[in-house]
């Protein structure tokens, strides 16, 4: 889809920076709950950056820092040049108009139509009625809800409600959009359509989008950058493709299970051992193909150049941000494992040994 032009020109890309941000909740009896611990993270301008973490990891608290719904106990939160944590009164209200927010459970007013829900932030801001009518019509067209302008939330599907929420978040023409688990209550097909809409908005309007999720599939579909949060700390962050291809932290790898990993066939998994057994055996190796090498016939070349027999056990090629990413699980002659893996790595592939299986027959 093509996103319509906004009512007025948006700020050309606004970054978000968290600088040593901590959040501590005082408890009765002098105890404390630490929600965030010295988080430092830069969200690039015009990016779609995902923060992924388990429930209770601190991702919602971090997101709410970006529009002042939560204030840091220490550190700074900057949206562009504005220090959100230090802002008060009119200054904070102005910052919030430039930071739209999409909520997990839509937060629509049941007694207001689609049109009226979208226009609410403009009413609160004191925008003239004619301008509100023009802006809401523009936004309903943008999110594909123009025919439903006079319906109430009870008459809408989950995906339609979330589109109302997106339009409402864009009403004040923000330069930053925050998404609080915006697709977790939606079915897979609706999730894809809502994420596609956010991607179009990001591309056409130049917004910086910061979203939180617990689903790596969401990150894979639209995020250019990702940060992984665990127990209030960022444990890994960077370009989404690089993080998916080379996850360093165990938490990241656990989230990627089933997304960028391939399951071993059960008959192999049952026989797999961490140590090489006596006698003939195969090394079971995960081979990751990334970037320019993702579609290269490297296993055929390995057999041709080194004479190594390769047994392909399982595999898949995915796309991450329109870039190919492949994983194969292979069996290699155990005697030739080191040479074989060194050959593959010299040609830009990554390898990881999973264990050994005794030869059969």
Protein backbone atom coordinates (compact mmCIF):
# COMPACT_ATOMS: atom_id res chain seq x y z
CA UNK A 1 0.00 0.00 0.00
CA UNK A 2 0.98 3.67 -0.37
CA UNK A 3 0.59 5.78 2.74
CA UNK A 4 -1.05 9.16 2.26
CA UNK A 5 0.92 12.30 3.02
CA UNK A 6 0.52 13.62 6.58
CA UNK A 7 -1.37 16.81 7.41
CA UNK A 8 1.85 18.68 8.08
CA UNK A 9 5.48 17.82 7.57
CA UNK A 10 6.88 15.52 10.23
CA UNK A 11 10.24 16.00 11.88
CA UNK A 12 12.74 14.24 9.63
CA UNK A 13 13.58 11.25 11.77
CA UNK A 14 13.95 11.48 15.52
CA UNK A 15 16.15 9.12 17.46
CA UNK A 16 15.53 7.82 20.97
CA UNK A 17 18.38 7.39 23.44
CA UNK A 18 18.37 5.65 26.80
CA UNK A 19 21.49 6.59 28.75
CA UNK A 20 22.23 4.62 31.89
CA UNK A 21 18.52 4.33 32.70
CA UNK A 22 17.50 2.57 35.91
CA UNK A 23 14.07 2.22 37.48
CA UNK A 24 13.54 1.16 41.08
CA UNK A 25 10.15 0.65 42.69
CA UNK A 26 10.14 1.22 46.48
CA UNK A 27 8.30 -1.42 48.47
CA UNK A 28 6.93 -1.56 51.99
CA UNK A 29 9.53 -2.08 54.69
CA UNK A 30 12.33 -0.47 52.71
CA UNK A 31 12.55 -3.21 50.07
CA UNK A 32 12.98 -2.38 46.38
CA UNK A 33 12.08 -3.93 43.07
CA UNK A 34 14.57 -3.12 40.34
CA UNK A 35 12.82 -2.95 36.96
CA UNK A 36 15.71 -1.56 34.89
CA UNK A 37 19.45 -1.62 35.54
CA UNK A 38 21.62 0.95 33.78
CA UNK A 39 20.08 0.52 30.33
CA UNK A 40 21.96 2.25 27.53
CA UNK A 41 20.40 1.92 24.08
CA UNK A 42 20.24 4.08 20.97
CA UNK A 43 17.22 3.75 18.69
CA UNK A 44 18.28 5.05 15.26
CA UNK A 45 16.18 7.70 13.57
CA UNK A 46 13.65 6.32 11.06
CA UNK A 47 14.31 2.75 12.21
CA UNK A 48 11.87 0.14 13.40
CA UNK A 49 13.53 -1.14 16.55
CA UNK A 50 12.13 -4.05 18.53
CA UNK A 51 12.74 -4.70 22.21
CA UNK A 52 12.13 -8.34 22.97
CA UNK A 53 12.02 -9.99 26.37
CA UNK A 54 10.10 -12.33 28.59
CA UNK A 55 7.26 -11.17 30.82
CA UNK A 56 8.70 -9.12 33.68
CA UNK A 57 11.99 -8.43 31.90
CA UNK A 58 11.38 -4.66 31.95
CA UNK A 59 10.47 -3.97 28.33
CA UNK A 60 7.15 -2.23 29.06
CA UNK A 61 8.76 -0.03 31.69
CA UNK A 62 11.48 0.95 29.23
CA UNK A 63 8.97 1.74 26.48
CA UNK A 64 6.87 3.94 28.77
CA UNK A 65 9.97 5.99 29.58
CA UNK A 66 9.94 7.31 25.99
CA UNK A 67 6.73 9.30 26.48
CA UNK A 68 7.03 10.10 30.17
CA UNK A 69 4.45 7.60 31.44
CA UNK A 70 7.31 6.35 33.63
CA UNK A 71 10.26 8.39 34.85
CA UNK A 72 13.74 6.97 35.36
CA UNK A 73 15.12 6.67 38.87
CA UNK A 74 18.46 7.56 37.31
CA UNK A 75 19.81 8.18 33.82
CA UNK A 76 18.38 10.06 30.85
CA UNK A 77 15.76 9.34 28.19
CA UNK A 78 16.10 11.56 25.14
CA UNK A 79 13.65 11.85 22.26
CA UNK A 80 15.56 13.93 19.78
CA UNK A 81 17.01 16.70 21.92
CA UNK A 82 14.24 16.52 24.54
CA UNK A 83 14.97 15.05 27.97
CA UNK A 84 11.69 13.27 28.61
CA UNK A 85 12.45 12.33 32.19
CA UNK A 86 13.18 15.92 33.17
CA UNK A 87 10.18 17.46 31.36
CA UNK A 88 7.19 18.74 33.28
CA UNK A 89 3.90 20.48 32.52
CA UNK A 90 3.50 22.06 29.08
CA UNK A 91 6.90 20.80 27.95
CA UNK A 92 5.95 17.19 28.71
CA UNK A 93 2.57 17.60 27.01
CA UNK A 94 4.30 18.85 23.87
CA UNK A 95 6.70 15.89 23.90
CA UNK A 96 3.77 13.49 24.23
CA UNK A 97 2.13 15.00 21.15
CA UNK A 98 5.27 14.10 19.20
CA UNK A 99 5.32 10.52 20.58
CA UNK A 100 2.32 8.43 19.54
CA UNK A 101 1.50 5.18 21.33
CA UNK A 102 -0.33 2.03 20.21
CA UNK A 103 -1.65 -0.15 23.03
CA UNK A 104 -1.94 -3.92 23.28
CA UNK A 105 -5.66 -3.90 24.12
CA UNK A 106 -6.54 -0.97 21.86
CA UNK A 107 -7.82 1.34 24.67
CA UNK A 108 -10.68 2.64 22.54
CA UNK A 109 -13.65 4.45 24.04
CA UNK A 110 -16.71 2.22 23.61
CA UNK A 111 -19.16 5.13 23.27
CA UNK A 112 -17.18 6.81 20.47
CA UNK A 113 -17.21 5.95 16.78
CA UNK A 114 -14.08 5.17 14.78
CA UNK A 115 -13.99 8.79 13.63
CA UNK A 116 -14.42 10.17 17.14
CA UNK A 117 -11.83 7.83 18.69
CA UNK A 118 -9.24 8.91 16.14
CA UNK A 119 -10.02 12.57 16.65
CA UNK A 120 -9.88 12.49 20.45
CA UNK A 121 -6.20 13.57 20.82
CA UNK A 122 -6.90 16.53 18.54
CA UNK A 123 -9.92 17.55 20.61
CA UNK A 124 -7.80 17.44 23.75
CA UNK A 125 -5.16 19.56 21.99
CA UNK A 126 -7.79 22.19 21.12
CA UNK A 127 -7.59 21.76 17.35
CA UNK A 128 -10.48 23.43 15.46
CA UNK A 129 -13.34 21.15 14.39
CA UNK A 130 -12.77 21.62 10.67
CA UNK A 131 -9.15 20.65 11.06
CA UNK A 132 -10.10 17.59 13.14
CA UNK A 133 -12.55 16.47 10.46
CA UNK A 134 -9.91 16.83 7.75
CA UNK A 135 -7.24 15.04 9.74
CA UNK A 136 -9.45 12.14 10.83
CA UNK A 137 -10.65 11.60 7.26
CA UNK A 138 -7.03 11.49 6.13
CA UNK A 139 -6.09 9.00 8.83
CA UNK A 140 -9.06 6.71 8.21
CA UNK A 141 -8.02 6.55 4.57
CA UNK A 142 -4.44 5.87 5.58
CA UNK A 143 -5.30 2.82 7.71
CA UNK A 144 -8.08 1.53 5.45
CA UNK A 145 -11.03 2.33 7.70
CA UNK A 146 -12.86 5.07 5.75
CA UNK A 147 -15.96 2.88 5.17
CA UNK A 148 -16.20 2.18 8.93
CA UNK A 149 -16.03 5.79 10.13
CA UNK A 150 -19.34 5.70 12.03
CA UNK A 151 -19.03 2.26 13.58
CA UNK A 152 -18.36 1.69 17.27
CA UNK A 153 -15.59 -0.51 18.71
CA UNK A 154 -18.02 -3.33 19.51
CA UNK A 155 -18.74 -3.62 15.78
CA UNK A 156 -15.07 -4.01 14.80
CA UNK A 157 -12.71 -6.96 14.54
CA UNK A 158 -9.48 -7.02 16.54
CA UNK A 159 -7.44 -5.96 13.53
CA UNK A 160 -9.81 -3.08 12.78
CA UNK A 161 -9.63 -1.93 16.40
CA UNK A 162 -5.85 -1.90 16.22
CA UNK A 163 -5.97 0.13 13.01
CA UNK A 164 -8.10 2.67 14.87
CA UNK A 165 -5.44 2.68 17.58
CA UNK A 166 -2.71 3.28 15.00
CA UNK A 167 -4.65 6.11 13.38
CA UNK A 168 -5.31 7.70 16.78
CA UNK A 169 -1.59 7.46 17.63
CA UNK A 170 -0.82 9.34 14.40
CA UNK A 171 -3.45 12.04 14.96
CA UNK A 172 -1.06 14.66 16.38
CA UNK A 173 1.48 13.96 13.60
CA UNK A 174 4.16 12.46 15.85
CA UNK A 175 7.75 11.83 14.84
CA UNK A 176 8.02 8.75 17.08
CA UNK A 177 5.61 5.85 17.38
CA UNK A 178 5.62 3.45 20.34
CA UNK A 179 3.98 0.03 20.09
CA UNK A 180 3.15 -1.86 23.29
CA UNK A 181 2.68 -5.51 22.20
CA UNK A 182 0.34 -4.19 19.51
CA UNK A 183 -0.17 -7.55 17.79
CA UNK A 184 -0.16 -10.00 20.69
CA UNK A 185 -3.98 -10.13 20.84
CA UNK A 186 -4.36 -10.71 17.09
CA UNK A 187 -4.44 -13.84 14.95
CA UNK A 188 -1.42 -14.54 12.68
CA UNK A 189 -2.97 -13.22 9.46
CA UNK A 190 -4.18 -10.01 11.11
CA UNK A 191 -0.80 -9.63 12.79
CA UNK A 192 0.92 -9.73 9.40
CA UNK A 193 -1.40 -7.07 7.97
CA UNK A 194 -0.95 -4.74 10.96
CA UNK A 195 2.83 -5.16 10.84
CA UNK A 196 2.78 -4.44 7.11
CA UNK A 197 0.87 -1.23 7.84
CA UNK A 198 3.45 -0.17 10.44
CA UNK A 199 6.23 -0.92 7.97
CA UNK A 200 4.54 1.24 5.33
CA UNK A 201 4.06 4.06 7.80
CA UNK A 202 7.71 3.90 8.81
CA UNK A 203 8.89 3.95 5.20
CA UNK A 204 6.53 6.59 3.84
CA UNK A 205 6.36 8.99 6.78
CA UNK A 206 9.87 8.59 8.17
CA UNK A 207 8.75 7.85 11.72
CA UNK A 208 10.98 6.17 14.25
CA UNK A 209 9.08 3.16 15.60
CA UNK A 210 9.98 1.50 18.89
CA UNK A 211 8.03 -1.64 19.66
CA UNK A 212 8.08 -4.24 22.37
CA UNK A 213 7.20 -7.86 21.83
CA UNK A 214 7.85 -11.36 23.06
CA UNK A 215 7.69 -12.80 19.55
CA UNK A 216 10.81 -13.06 17.40
CA UNK A 217 8.58 -13.57 14.35
CA UNK A 218 7.38 -9.97 14.77
CA UNK A 219 10.97 -8.74 14.94
CA UNK A 220 11.91 -10.79 11.88
CA UNK A 221 9.06 -9.36 9.80
CA UNK A 222 9.58 -5.62 10.24
CA UNK A 223 12.42 -4.62 12.60
CA UNK A 224 15.66 -3.19 11.25
CA UNK A 225 17.18 -3.27 14.75
CA UNK A 226 16.54 -5.36 17.86
CA UNK A 227 17.47 -5.27 21.54
CA UNK A 228 17.07 -8.22 23.91
CA UNK A 229 16.23 -7.40 27.52
CA UNK A 230 16.55 -9.78 30.47
CA UNK A 231 16.09 -8.97 34.17
CA UNK A 232 16.12 -5.24 33.45
CA UNK A 233 19.32 -5.25 31.37
CA UNK A 234 19.99 -5.13 27.64
CA UNK A 235 21.95 -8.32 26.98
CA UNK A 236 22.28 -7.97 23.21
CA UNK A 237 21.44 -5.32 20.61
CA UNK A 238 22.17 -4.47 17.02
CA UNK A 239 21.12 -4.88 13.41
CA UNK A 240 18.37 -7.51 13.31
CA UNK A 241 20.02 -9.60 10.63
CA UNK A 242 23.34 -9.69 12.47
CA UNK A 243 21.71 -10.57 15.81
CA UNK A 244 19.68 -13.36 14.19
CA UNK A 245 22.71 -14.67 12.32
CA UNK A 246 25.18 -14.49 15.21
CA UNK A 247 23.31 -14.52 18.54
CA UNK A 248 25.79 -14.21 21.40
CA UNK A 249 23.62 -14.44 24.51
CA UNK A 250 21.76 -17.59 25.63
CA UNK A 251 18.52 -15.60 26.03
CA UNK A 252 18.71 -14.45 22.42
CA UNK A 253 19.35 -18.00 21.24
CA UNK A 254 16.35 -19.23 23.21
CA UNK A 255 14.10 -16.69 21.49
CA UNK A 256 15.45 -17.73 18.11
CA UNK A 257 14.60 -21.40 18.63
CA UNK A 258 12.17 -22.32 15.88
CA UNK A 259 12.84 -19.08 13.99
CA UNK A 260 16.42 -19.42 12.78
CA UNK A 261 17.13 -22.93 14.00
CA UNK A 262 16.18 -26.24 12.46
CA UNK A 263 15.02 -29.17 14.55
CA UNK A 264 17.00 -32.39 14.39
CA UNK A 265 15.06 -35.37 13.12
CA UNK A 266 14.05 -37.44 16.11
CA UNK A 267 15.96 -40.53 14.97
CA UNK A 268 19.15 -38.42 15.02
CA UNK A 269 18.32 -36.61 18.27
CA UNK A 270 17.82 -39.93 20.06
CA UNK A 271 21.32 -41.07 19.09
CA UNK A 272 23.16 -37.77 19.53
CA UNK A 273 25.99 -37.78 22.10
CA UNK A 274 28.21 -34.92 23.26
CA UNK A 275 31.41 -36.95 22.97
CA UNK A 276 32.67 -38.76 19.92
CA UNK A 277 32.03 -42.52 20.30
CA UNK A 278 34.58 -45.19 19.54
CA UNK A 279 34.53 -46.48 16.01
CA UNK A 280 33.06 -44.90 12.87
CA UNK A 281 30.91 -41.88 13.60
CA UNK A 282 29.51 -38.66 12.18
CA UNK A 283 29.79 -35.14 13.59
CA UNK A 284 26.41 -33.39 13.55
CA UNK A 285 27.03 -29.76 12.61
CA UNK A 286 24.76 -26.76 12.16
CA UNK A 287 25.86 -24.73 9.13
CA UNK A 288 24.51 -21.18 8.88
CA UNK A 289 24.46 -19.44 5.51
CA UNK A 290 24.12 -15.64 5.67
CA UNK A 291 24.28 -12.68 3.33
CA UNK A 292 25.92 -13.23 -0.03
CA UNK A 293 26.68 -16.87 0.85
CA UNK A 294 23.15 -17.89 1.79
CA UNK A 295 22.46 -19.55 -1.55
CA UNK A 296 25.97 -20.69 -2.45
CA UNK A 297 26.41 -24.47 -3.11
CA UNK A 298 29.10 -24.73 -0.46
CA UNK A 299 28.41 -28.32 0.56
CA UNK A 300 28.86 -29.47 -3.02
CA UNK A 301 32.13 -27.54 -3.14
CA UNK A 302 33.24 -29.12 0.14
CA UNK A 303 32.72 -32.59 -1.35
CA UNK A 304 34.44 -31.59 -4.58
CA UNK A 305 37.47 -29.87 -3.03
CA UNK A 306 38.08 -32.02 0.06
CA UNK A 307 36.38 -35.25 -0.90
CA UNK A 308 34.28 -35.15 2.29
CA UNK A 309 30.95 -36.95 2.29
CA UNK A 310 28.12 -34.77 3.57
CA UNK A 311 24.81 -36.11 4.86
CA UNK A 312 22.09 -33.43 4.89
CA UNK A 313 19.78 -34.05 7.86
CA UNK A 314 17.47 -31.02 7.81
CA UNK A 315 17.43 -27.45 6.60
CA UNK A 316 15.58 -24.27 5.71
CA UNK A 317 16.17 -20.92 4.06
CA UNK A 318 14.35 -17.92 5.53
CA UNK A 319 14.24 -14.21 4.80
CA UNK A 320 15.09 -11.59 7.41
CA UNK A 321 14.44 -8.09 6.15
CA UNK A 322 14.42 -9.38 2.55
CA UNK A 323 17.91 -10.86 3.03
CA UNK A 324 18.38 -14.65 2.74
CA UNK A 325 19.31 -16.63 5.83
CA UNK A 326 19.73 -20.39 5.79
CA UNK A 327 20.44 -23.18 8.25
CA UNK A 328 21.39 -26.75 7.47
CA UNK A 329 22.00 -29.61 9.84
CA UNK A 330 24.54 -31.96 8.32
CA UNK A 331 26.43 -35.08 9.20
CA UNK A 332 30.17 -34.95 8.47
CA UNK A 333 32.77 -37.68 8.72
CA UNK A 334 34.02 -37.28 12.28
CA UNK A 335 37.63 -37.77 11.18
CA UNK A 336 37.26 -34.80 8.82
CA UNK A 337 35.19 -32.51 11.05
CA UNK A 338 37.90 -29.94 11.79
CA UNK A 339 39.04 -29.66 8.17
CA UNK A 340 35.46 -29.47 6.91
CA UNK A 341 34.35 -26.77 9.32
CA UNK A 342 37.50 -24.73 8.70
CA UNK A 343 36.82 -24.90 4.93
CA UNK A 344 33.22 -23.73 5.34
CA UNK A 345 34.19 -20.90 7.69
CA UNK A 346 36.90 -19.70 5.29
CA UNK A 347 34.14 -19.27 2.74
CA UNK A 348 31.96 -17.10 4.98
CA UNK A 349 29.70 -19.68 6.60
CA UNK A 350 29.25 -20.26 10.32
CA UNK A 351 29.37 -23.69 11.90
CA UNK A 352 28.43 -25.07 15.30
CA UNK A 353 29.03 -28.61 16.46
CA UNK A 354 25.98 -30.26 18.04
CA UNK A 355 27.42 -33.65 18.91
CA UNK A 356 28.14 -37.06 17.42
CA UNK A 357 26.25 -40.14 16.30
CA UNK A 358 27.72 -43.58 15.84
CA UNK A 359 27.68 -44.88 12.28
CA UNK A 360 25.03 -47.53 11.62
CA UNK A 361 25.01 -50.61 9.49
